[in-house]
């Protein structure tokens, strides 16, 4: 599901597989520049906390300030930290 580029970026940026899975499962998706951007907003955080439970959510919450770029075929193109607000 990850491209080679995304694998390298995740490793370089310390984005763990459980963070990628949480972003894909609960993150908000917005279309931008021909791909989907997947990130956590307030609503996604609430949904993830309810679904994962307090302990599992507490293990990943401080690492969810990331975003993924997902191609139309479902492959993750890249992953990066969110340094500022994403504008749509």
PDB file of N, CA and C in Angstrom:
ATOM      1  N   UNK A   1       0.809  -1.178   0.000  1.00  0.00           N
ATOM      2  CA  UNK A   1       0.000   0.000   0.000  1.00  0.00           C
ATOM      3  C   UNK A   1       0.871   1.268   0.000  1.00  0.00           C
ATOM      4  N   UNK A   2       2.060   1.201   0.555  1.00  0.00           N
ATOM      5  CA  UNK A   2       2.983   2.337   0.522  1.00  0.00           C
ATOM      6  C   UNK A   2       3.891   2.247  -0.702  1.00  0.00           C
ATOM      7  N   UNK A   3       4.095   3.358  -1.370  1.00  0.00           N
ATOM      8  CA  UNK A   3       5.098   3.384  -2.428  1.00  0.00           C
ATOM      9  C   UNK A   3       6.472   3.365  -1.765  1.00  0.00           C
ATOM     10  N   UNK A   4       7.485   3.110  -2.537  1.00  0.00           N
ATOM     11  CA  UNK A   4       8.849   3.111  -1.985  1.00  0.00           C
ATOM     12  C   UNK A   4       9.175   4.490  -1.407  1.00  0.00           C
ATOM     13  N   UNK A   5       8.754   5.523  -2.106  1.00  0.00           N
ATOM     14  CA  UNK A   5       8.980   6.898  -1.628  1.00  0.00           C
ATOM     15  C   UNK A   5       8.328   7.103  -0.261  1.00  0.00           C
ATOM     16  N   UNK A   6       7.091   6.646  -0.105  1.00  0.00           N
ATOM     17  CA  UNK A   6       6.382   6.798   1.166  1.00  0.00           C
ATOM     18  C   UNK A   6       7.062   6.004   2.279  1.00  0.00           C
ATOM     19  N   UNK A   7       7.546   4.809   1.970  1.00  0.00           N
ATOM     20  CA  UNK A   7       8.269   4.015   2.962  1.00  0.00           C
ATOM     21  C   UNK A   7       9.479   4.767   3.483  1.00  0.00           C
ATOM     22  N   UNK A   8      10.253   5.337   2.556  1.00  0.00           N
ATOM     23  CA  UNK A   8      11.450   6.093   2.924  1.00  0.00           C
ATOM     24  C   UNK A   8      11.069   7.303   3.762  1.00  0.00           C
ATOM     25  N   UNK A   9      10.035   8.044   3.340  1.00  0.00           N
ATOM     26  CA  UNK A   9       9.611   9.243   4.069  1.00  0.00           C
ATOM     27  C   UNK A   9       9.111   8.895   5.468  1.00  0.00           C
ATOM     28  N   UNK A  10       8.356   7.818   5.587  1.00  0.00           N
ATOM     29  CA  UNK A  10       7.884   7.405   6.908  1.00  0.00           C
ATOM     30  C   UNK A  10       9.051   7.065   7.827  1.00  0.00           C
ATOM     31  N   UNK A  11      10.024   6.366   7.285  1.00  0.00           N
ATOM     32  CA  UNK A  11      11.192   6.009   8.078  1.00  0.00           C
ATOM     33  C   UNK A  11      11.980   7.260   8.473  1.00  0.00           C
ATOM     34  N   UNK A  12      12.210   8.162   7.537  1.00  0.00           N
ATOM     35  CA  UNK A  12      12.959   9.380   7.821  1.00  0.00           C
ATOM     36  C   UNK A  12      12.259  10.262   8.848  1.00  0.00           C
ATOM     37  N   UNK A  13      10.935  10.297   8.780  1.00  0.00           N
ATOM     38  CA  UNK A  13      10.160  11.221   9.605  1.00  0.00           C
ATOM     39  C   UNK A  13       9.570  10.572  10.853  1.00  0.00           C
ATOM     40  N   UNK A  14       9.894   9.318  11.071  1.00  0.00           N
ATOM     41  CA  UNK A  14       9.448   8.636  12.279  1.00  0.00           C
ATOM     42  C   UNK A  14       7.952   8.408  12.333  1.00  0.00           C
ATOM     43  N   UNK A  15       7.330   8.190  11.191  1.00  0.00           N
ATOM     44  CA  UNK A  15       5.892   7.943  11.138  1.00  0.00           C
ATOM     45  C   UNK A  15       5.674   6.438  11.176  1.00  0.00           C
ATOM     46  N   UNK A  16       5.160   5.959  12.293  1.00  0.00           N
ATOM     47  CA  UNK A  16       5.040   4.526  12.520  1.00  0.00           C
ATOM     48  C   UNK A  16       3.809   3.947  11.822  1.00  0.00           C
ATOM     49  N   UNK A  17       3.828   2.634  11.552  1.00  0.00           N
ATOM     50  CA  UNK A  17       2.717   1.985  10.845  1.00  0.00           C
ATOM     51  C   UNK A  17       1.364   2.164  11.524  1.00  0.00           C
ATOM     52  N   UNK A  18       1.317   2.166  12.862  1.00  0.00           N
ATOM     53  CA  UNK A  18       0.025   2.339  13.535  1.00  0.00           C
ATOM     54  C   UNK A  18      -0.532   3.746  13.335  1.00  0.00           C
ATOM     55  N   UNK A  19       0.341   4.720  13.143  1.00  0.00           N
ATOM     56  CA  UNK A  19      -0.107   6.085  12.851  1.00  0.00           C
ATOM     57  C   UNK A  19      -0.693   6.138  11.435  1.00  0.00           C
ATOM     58  N   UNK A  20      -0.020   5.508  10.485  1.00  0.00           N
ATOM     59  CA  UNK A  20      -0.521   5.447   9.110  1.00  0.00           C
ATOM     60  C   UNK A  20      -1.886   4.761   9.084  1.00  0.00           C
ATOM     61  N   UNK A  21      -2.007   3.654   9.799  1.00  0.00           N
ATOM     62  CA  UNK A  21      -3.273   2.920   9.837  1.00  0.00           C
ATOM     63  C   UNK A  21      -4.386   3.765  10.455  1.00  0.00           C
ATOM     64  N   UNK A  22      -4.086   4.498  11.518  1.00  0.00           N
ATOM     65  CA  UNK A  22      -5.086   5.343  12.170  1.00  0.00           C
ATOM     66  C   UNK A  22      -5.512   6.476  11.256  1.00  0.00           C
ATOM     67  N   UNK A  23      -4.550   7.088  10.568  1.00  0.00           N
ATOM     68  CA  UNK A  23      -4.879   8.157   9.625  1.00  0.00           C
ATOM     69  C   UNK A  23      -5.771   7.644   8.501  1.00  0.00           C
ATOM     70  N   UNK A  24      -5.450   6.487   7.974  1.00  0.00           N
ATOM     71  CA  UNK A  24      -6.249   5.923   6.886  1.00  0.00           C
ATOM     72  C   UNK A  24      -7.654   5.538   7.350  1.00  0.00           C
ATOM     73  N   UNK A  25      -7.752   4.994   8.543  1.00  0.00           N
ATOM     74  CA  UNK A  25      -9.029   4.512   9.043  1.00  0.00           C
ATOM     75  C   UNK A  25      -9.966   5.643   9.484  1.00  0.00           C
ATOM     76  N   UNK A  26      -9.436   6.632  10.191  1.00  0.00           N
ATOM     77  CA  UNK A  26     -10.297   7.637  10.813  1.00  0.00           C
ATOM     78  C   UNK A  26     -10.094   9.047  10.269  1.00  0.00           C
ATOM     79  N   UNK A  27      -9.030   9.266   9.511  1.00  0.00           N
ATOM     80  CA  UNK A  27      -8.708  10.614   9.062  1.00  0.00           C
ATOM     81  C   UNK A  27      -9.697  11.192   8.055  1.00  0.00           C
ATOM     82  N   UNK A  28      -9.762  12.499   8.050  1.00  0.00           N
ATOM     83  CA  UNK A  28     -10.582  13.223   7.074  1.00  0.00           C
ATOM     84  C   UNK A  28      -9.834  13.232   5.746  1.00  0.00           C
ATOM     85  N   UNK A  29     -10.557  13.097   4.649  1.00  0.00           N
ATOM     86  CA  UNK A  29      -9.935  13.086   3.316  1.00  0.00           C
ATOM     87  C   UNK A  29     -10.448  14.251   2.493  1.00  0.00           C
ATOM     88  N   UNK A  30      -9.524  14.963   1.914  1.00  0.00           N
ATOM     89  CA  UNK A  30      -9.849  16.092   1.036  1.00  0.00           C
ATOM     90  C   UNK A  30      -9.086  15.921  -0.266  1.00  0.00           C
ATOM     91  N   UNK A  31      -9.747  16.224  -1.350  1.00  0.00           N
ATOM     92  CA  UNK A  31      -9.128  16.125  -2.671  1.00  0.00           C
ATOM     93  C   UNK A  31      -8.311  17.383  -2.930  1.00  0.00           C
ATOM     94  N   UNK A  32      -7.073  17.213  -3.378  1.00  0.00           N
ATOM     95  CA  UNK A  32      -6.210  18.355  -3.651  1.00  0.00           C
ATOM     96  C   UNK A  32      -5.115  17.965  -4.635  1.00  0.00           C
ATOM     97  N   UNK A  33      -4.974  18.729  -5.693  1.00  0.00           N
ATOM     98  CA  UNK A  33      -3.919  18.532  -6.696  1.00  0.00           C
ATOM     99  C   UNK A  33      -3.896  17.103  -7.261  1.00  0.00           C
ATOM    100  N   UNK A  34      -5.059  16.535  -7.517  1.00  0.00           N
ATOM    101  CA  UNK A  34      -5.142  15.229  -8.154  1.00  0.00           C
ATOM    102  C   UNK A  34      -4.961  14.039  -7.235  1.00  0.00           C
ATOM    103  N   UNK A  35      -4.931  14.265  -5.924  1.00  0.00           N
ATOM    104  CA  UNK A  35      -4.793  13.165  -4.967  1.00  0.00           C
ATOM    105  C   UNK A  35      -5.600  13.521  -3.717  1.00  0.00           C
ATOM    106  N   UNK A  36      -5.730  12.559  -2.820  1.00  0.00           N
ATOM    107  CA  UNK A  36      -6.418  12.809  -1.558  1.00  0.00           C
ATOM    108  C   UNK A  36      -5.402  13.078  -0.465  1.00  0.00           C
ATOM    109  N   UNK A  37      -5.699  14.066   0.367  1.00  0.00           N
ATOM    110  CA  UNK A  37      -4.893  14.349   1.542  1.00  0.00           C
ATOM    111  C   UNK A  37      -5.672  13.782   2.728  1.00  0.00           C
ATOM    112  N   UNK A  38      -5.040  12.955   3.510  1.00  0.00           N
ATOM    113  CA  UNK A  38      -5.670  12.309   4.650  1.00  0.00           C
ATOM    114  C   UNK A  38      -5.029  12.847   5.922  1.00  0.00           C
ATOM    115  N   UNK A  39      -5.837  13.443   6.806  1.00  0.00           N
ATOM    116  CA  UNK A  39      -5.319  14.068   8.017  1.00  0.00           C
ATOM    117  C   UNK A  39      -6.375  13.984   9.109  1.00  0.00           C
ATOM    118  N   UNK A  40      -5.976  14.285  10.326  1.00  0.00           N
ATOM    119  CA  UNK A  40      -6.887  14.230  11.460  1.00  0.00           C
ATOM    120  C   UNK A  40      -7.396  15.636  11.783  1.00  0.00           C
ATOM    121  N   UNK A  41      -8.711  15.769  11.800  1.00  0.00           N
ATOM    122  CA  UNK A  41      -9.317  16.999  12.300  1.00  0.00           C
ATOM    123  C   UNK A  41      -9.990  16.662  13.634  1.00  0.00           C
ATOM    124  N   UNK A  42     -10.660  17.613  14.238  1.00  0.00           N
ATOM    125  CA  UNK A  42     -11.262  17.406  15.549  1.00  0.00           C
ATOM    126  C   UNK A  42     -12.254  16.237  15.543  1.00  0.00           C
ATOM    127  N   UNK A  43     -13.074  16.189  14.514  1.00  0.00           N
ATOM    128  CA  UNK A  43     -14.068  15.129  14.397  1.00  0.00           C
ATOM    129  C   UNK A  43     -13.398  13.758  14.262  1.00  0.00           C
ATOM    130  N   UNK A  44     -12.348  13.676  13.472  1.00  0.00           N
ATOM    131  CA  UNK A  44     -11.626  12.415  13.280  1.00  0.00           C
ATOM    132  C   UNK A  44     -10.971  11.961  14.585  1.00  0.00           C
ATOM    133  N   UNK A  45     -10.443  12.911  15.356  1.00  0.00           N
ATOM    134  CA  UNK A  45      -9.857  12.570  16.660  1.00  0.00           C
ATOM    135  C   UNK A  45     -10.907  11.960  17.582  1.00  0.00           C
ATOM    136  N   UNK A  46     -12.097  12.557  17.632  1.00  0.00           N
ATOM    137  CA  UNK A  46     -13.166  12.037  18.489  1.00  0.00           C
ATOM    138  C   UNK A  46     -13.573  10.626  18.058  1.00  0.00           C
ATOM    139  N   UNK A  47     -13.721  10.435  16.751  1.00  0.00           N
ATOM    140  CA  UNK A  47     -14.109   9.123  16.231  1.00  0.00           C
ATOM    141  C   UNK A  47     -13.044   8.071  16.553  1.00  0.00           C
ATOM    142  N   UNK A  48     -11.776   8.413  16.370  1.00  0.00           N
ATOM    143  CA  UNK A  48     -10.687   7.476  16.659  1.00  0.00           C
ATOM    144  C   UNK A  48     -10.640   7.136  18.143  1.00  0.00           C
ATOM    145  N   UNK A  49     -10.848   8.126  18.986  1.00  0.00           N
ATOM    146  CA  UNK A  49     -10.815   7.875  20.425  1.00  0.00           C
ATOM    147  C   UNK A  49     -11.934   6.932  20.855  1.00  0.00           C
ATOM    148  N   UNK A  50     -13.126   7.122  20.296  1.00  0.00           N
ATOM    149  CA  UNK A  50     -14.248   6.227  20.619  1.00  0.00           C
ATOM    150  C   UNK A  50     -13.973   4.810  20.131  1.00  0.00           C
ATOM    151  N   UNK A  51     -13.461   4.687  18.912  1.00  0.00           N
ATOM    152  CA  UNK A  51     -13.269   3.365  18.310  1.00  0.00           C
ATOM    153  C   UNK A  51     -12.084   2.615  18.916  1.00  0.00           C
ATOM    154  N   UNK A  52     -10.983   3.309  19.165  1.00  0.00           N
ATOM    155  CA  UNK A  52      -9.770   2.653  19.649  1.00  0.00           C
ATOM    156  C   UNK A  52      -9.786   2.399  21.150  1.00  0.00           C
ATOM    157  N   UNK A  53     -10.513   3.209  21.871  1.00  0.00           N
ATOM    158  CA  UNK A  53     -10.470   3.132  23.333  1.00  0.00           C
ATOM    159  C   UNK A  53      -9.385   4.054  23.853  1.00  0.00           C
ATOM    160  N   UNK A  54      -9.490   4.370  25.127  1.00  0.00           N
ATOM    161  CA  UNK A  54      -8.602   5.379  25.720  1.00  0.00           C
ATOM    162  C   UNK A  54      -7.125   5.002  25.629  1.00  0.00           C
ATOM    163  N   UNK A  55      -6.766   3.786  25.989  1.00  0.00           N
ATOM    164  CA  UNK A  55      -5.355   3.396  26.044  1.00  0.00           C
ATOM    165  C   UNK A  55      -4.701   3.373  24.668  1.00  0.00           C
ATOM    166  N   UNK A  56      -5.351   2.750  23.696  1.00  0.00           N
ATOM    167  CA  UNK A  56      -4.779   2.680  22.342  1.00  0.00           C
ATOM    168  C   UNK A  56      -4.687   4.070  21.721  1.00  0.00           C
ATOM    169  N   UNK A  57      -5.705   4.883  21.942  1.00  0.00           N
ATOM    170  CA  UNK A  57      -5.692   6.248  21.406  1.00  0.00           C
ATOM    171  C   UNK A  57      -4.578   7.071  22.059  1.00  0.00           C
ATOM    172  N   UNK A  58      -4.389   6.914  23.347  1.00  0.00           N
ATOM    173  CA  UNK A  58      -3.351   7.656  24.070  1.00  0.00           C
ATOM    174  C   UNK A  58      -1.954   7.332  23.547  1.00  0.00           C
ATOM    175  N   UNK A  59      -1.757   6.106  23.037  1.00  0.00           N
ATOM    176  CA  UNK A  59      -0.444   5.721  22.509  1.00  0.00           C
ATOM    177  C   UNK A  59      -0.109   6.413  21.194  1.00  0.00           C
ATOM    178  N   UNK A  60      -1.132   6.820  20.422  1.00  0.00           N
ATOM    179  CA  UNK A  60      -0.859   7.415  19.106  1.00  0.00           C
ATOM    180  C   UNK A  60      -1.244   8.879  18.977  1.00  0.00           C
ATOM    181  N   UNK A  61      -1.967   9.428  19.936  1.00  0.00           N
ATOM    182  CA  UNK A  61      -2.523  10.776  19.773  1.00  0.00           C
ATOM    183  C   UNK A  61      -1.453  11.836  19.538  1.00  0.00           C
ATOM    184  N   UNK A  62      -0.323  11.735  20.207  1.00  0.00           N
ATOM    185  CA  UNK A  62       0.714  12.756  20.043  1.00  0.00           C
ATOM    186  C   UNK A  62       1.477  12.620  18.726  1.00  0.00           C
ATOM    187  N   UNK A  63       1.185  11.578  17.957  1.00  0.00           N
ATOM    188  CA  UNK A  63       1.844  11.372  16.660  1.00  0.00           C
ATOM    189  C   UNK A  63       0.898  11.558  15.481  1.00  0.00           C
ATOM    190  N   UNK A  64      -0.323  11.986  15.755  1.00  0.00           N
ATOM    191  CA  UNK A  64      -1.323  12.103  14.691  1.00  0.00           C
ATOM    192  C   UNK A  64      -1.301  13.446  13.975  1.00  0.00           C
ATOM    193  N   UNK A  65      -0.351  14.300  14.277  1.00  0.00           N
ATOM    194  CA  UNK A  65      -0.232  15.570  13.570  1.00  0.00           C
ATOM    195  C   UNK A  65       0.583  15.375  12.290  1.00  0.00           C
ATOM    196  N   UNK A  66       0.144  14.436  11.493  1.00  0.00           N
ATOM    197  CA  UNK A  66       0.772  14.072  10.228  1.00  0.00           C
ATOM    198  C   UNK A  66      -0.298  14.085   9.148  1.00  0.00           C
ATOM    199  N   UNK A  67       0.139  13.987   7.897  1.00  0.00           N
ATOM    200  CA  UNK A  67      -0.823  13.798   6.808  1.00  0.00           C
ATOM    201  C   UNK A  67      -0.240  12.844   5.792  1.00  0.00           C
ATOM    202  N   UNK A  68      -1.133  12.206   5.051  1.00  0.00           N
ATOM    203  CA  UNK A  68      -0.752  11.272   3.998  1.00  0.00           C
ATOM    204  C   UNK A  68      -1.298  11.793   2.678  1.00  0.00           C
ATOM    205  N   UNK A  69      -0.570  11.551   1.603  1.00  0.00           N
ATOM    206  CA  UNK A  69      -1.055  11.836   0.257  1.00  0.00           C
ATOM    207  C   UNK A  69      -1.343  10.483  -0.378  1.00  0.00           C
ATOM    208  N   UNK A  70      -2.610  10.271  -0.743  1.00  0.00           N
ATOM    209  CA  UNK A  70      -3.067   8.977  -1.235  1.00  0.00           C
ATOM    210  C   UNK A  70      -3.501   9.117  -2.692  1.00  0.00           C
ATOM    211  N   UNK A  71      -2.951   8.262  -3.558  1.00  0.00           N
ATOM    212  CA  UNK A  71      -3.294   8.272  -4.980  1.00  0.00           C
ATOM    213  C   UNK A  71      -4.673   7.652  -5.191  1.00  0.00           C
ATOM    214  N   UNK A  72      -5.204   7.832  -6.389  1.00  0.00           N
ATOM    215  CA  UNK A  72      -6.523   7.289  -6.726  1.00  0.00           C
ATOM    216  C   UNK A  72      -6.573   5.771  -6.637  1.00  0.00           C
ATOM    217  N   UNK A  73      -5.446   5.100  -6.846  1.00  0.00           N
ATOM    218  CA  UNK A  73      -5.423   3.644  -6.766  1.00  0.00           C
ATOM    219  C   UNK A  73      -5.247   3.128  -5.333  1.00  0.00           C
ATOM    220  N   UNK A  74      -5.208   4.043  -4.355  1.00  0.00           N
ATOM    221  CA  UNK A  74      -5.113   3.661  -2.957  1.00  0.00           C
ATOM    222  C   UNK A  74      -3.708   3.613  -2.395  1.00  0.00           C
ATOM    223  N   UNK A  75      -2.708   3.770  -3.240  1.00  0.00           N
ATOM    224  CA  UNK A  75      -1.333   3.753  -2.751  1.00  0.00           C
ATOM    225  C   UNK A  75      -1.001   5.063  -2.050  1.00  0.00           C
ATOM    226  N   UNK A  76      -0.264   4.961  -0.969  1.00  0.00           N
ATOM    227  CA  UNK A  76       0.184   6.148  -0.249  1.00  0.00           C
ATOM    228  C   UNK A  76       1.436   6.657  -0.944  1.00  0.00           C
ATOM    229  N   UNK A  77       1.363   7.898  -1.421  1.00  0.00           N
ATOM    230  CA  UNK A  77       2.462   8.488  -2.170  1.00  0.00           C
ATOM    231  C   UNK A  77       3.540   9.028  -1.239  1.00  0.00           C
ATOM    232  N   UNK A  78       3.125   9.737  -0.194  1.00  0.00           N
ATOM    233  CA  UNK A  78       4.083  10.283   0.759  1.00  0.00           C
ATOM    234  C   UNK A  78       3.382  10.554   2.081  1.00  0.00           C
ATOM    235  N   UNK A  79       4.186  10.818   3.090  1.00  0.00           N
ATOM    236  CA  UNK A  79       3.694  11.142   4.424  1.00  0.00           C
ATOM    237  C   UNK A  79       4.586  12.226   4.988  1.00  0.00           C
ATOM    238  N   UNK A  80       3.979  13.142   5.748  1.00  0.00           N
ATOM    239  CA  UNK A  80       4.757  14.254   6.285  1.00  0.00           C
ATOM    240  C   UNK A  80       4.104  14.787   7.552  1.00  0.00           C
ATOM    241  N   UNK A  81       4.886  15.503   8.367  1.00  0.00           N
ATOM    242  CA  UNK A  81       4.298  16.159   9.538  1.00  0.00           C
ATOM    243  C   UNK A  81       3.489  17.374   9.110  1.00  0.00           C
ATOM    244  N   UNK A  82       2.430  17.655   9.835  1.00  0.00           N
ATOM    245  CA  UNK A  82       1.638  18.865   9.588  1.00  0.00           C
ATOM    246  C   UNK A  82       2.256  19.981  10.405  1.00  0.00           C
ATOM    247  N   UNK A  83       2.911  20.899   9.750  1.00  0.00           N
ATOM    248  CA  UNK A  83       3.550  22.006  10.439  1.00  0.00           C
ATOM    249  C   UNK A  83       2.635  23.212  10.596  1.00  0.00           C
ATOM    250  N   UNK A  84       1.668  23.333   9.706  1.00  0.00           N
ATOM    251  CA  UNK A  84       0.689  24.391   9.823  1.00  0.00           C
ATOM    252  C   UNK A  84      -0.649  23.884   9.312  1.00  0.00           C
ATOM    253  N   UNK A  85      -1.651  24.683   9.457  1.00  0.00           N
ATOM    254  CA  UNK A  85      -3.010  24.302   9.087  1.00  0.00           C
ATOM    255  C   UNK A  85      -3.107  24.033   7.583  1.00  0.00           C
ATOM    256  N   UNK A  86      -3.800  22.955   7.221  1.00  0.00           N
ATOM    257  CA  UNK A  86      -4.049  22.662   5.811  1.00  0.00           C
ATOM    258  C   UNK A  86      -5.248  23.472   5.361  1.00  0.00           C
ATOM    259  N   UNK A  87      -5.119  24.175   4.264  1.00  0.00           N
ATOM    260  CA  UNK A  87      -6.210  25.007   3.771  1.00  0.00           C
ATOM    261  C   UNK A  87      -6.811  24.385   2.520  1.00  0.00           C
ATOM    262  N   UNK A  88      -8.143  24.297   2.508  1.00  0.00           N
ATOM    263  CA  UNK A  88      -8.843  23.711   1.376  1.00  0.00           C
ATOM    264  C   UNK A  88      -9.823  24.667   0.787  1.00  0.00           C
TER     265      UNK A  88
END
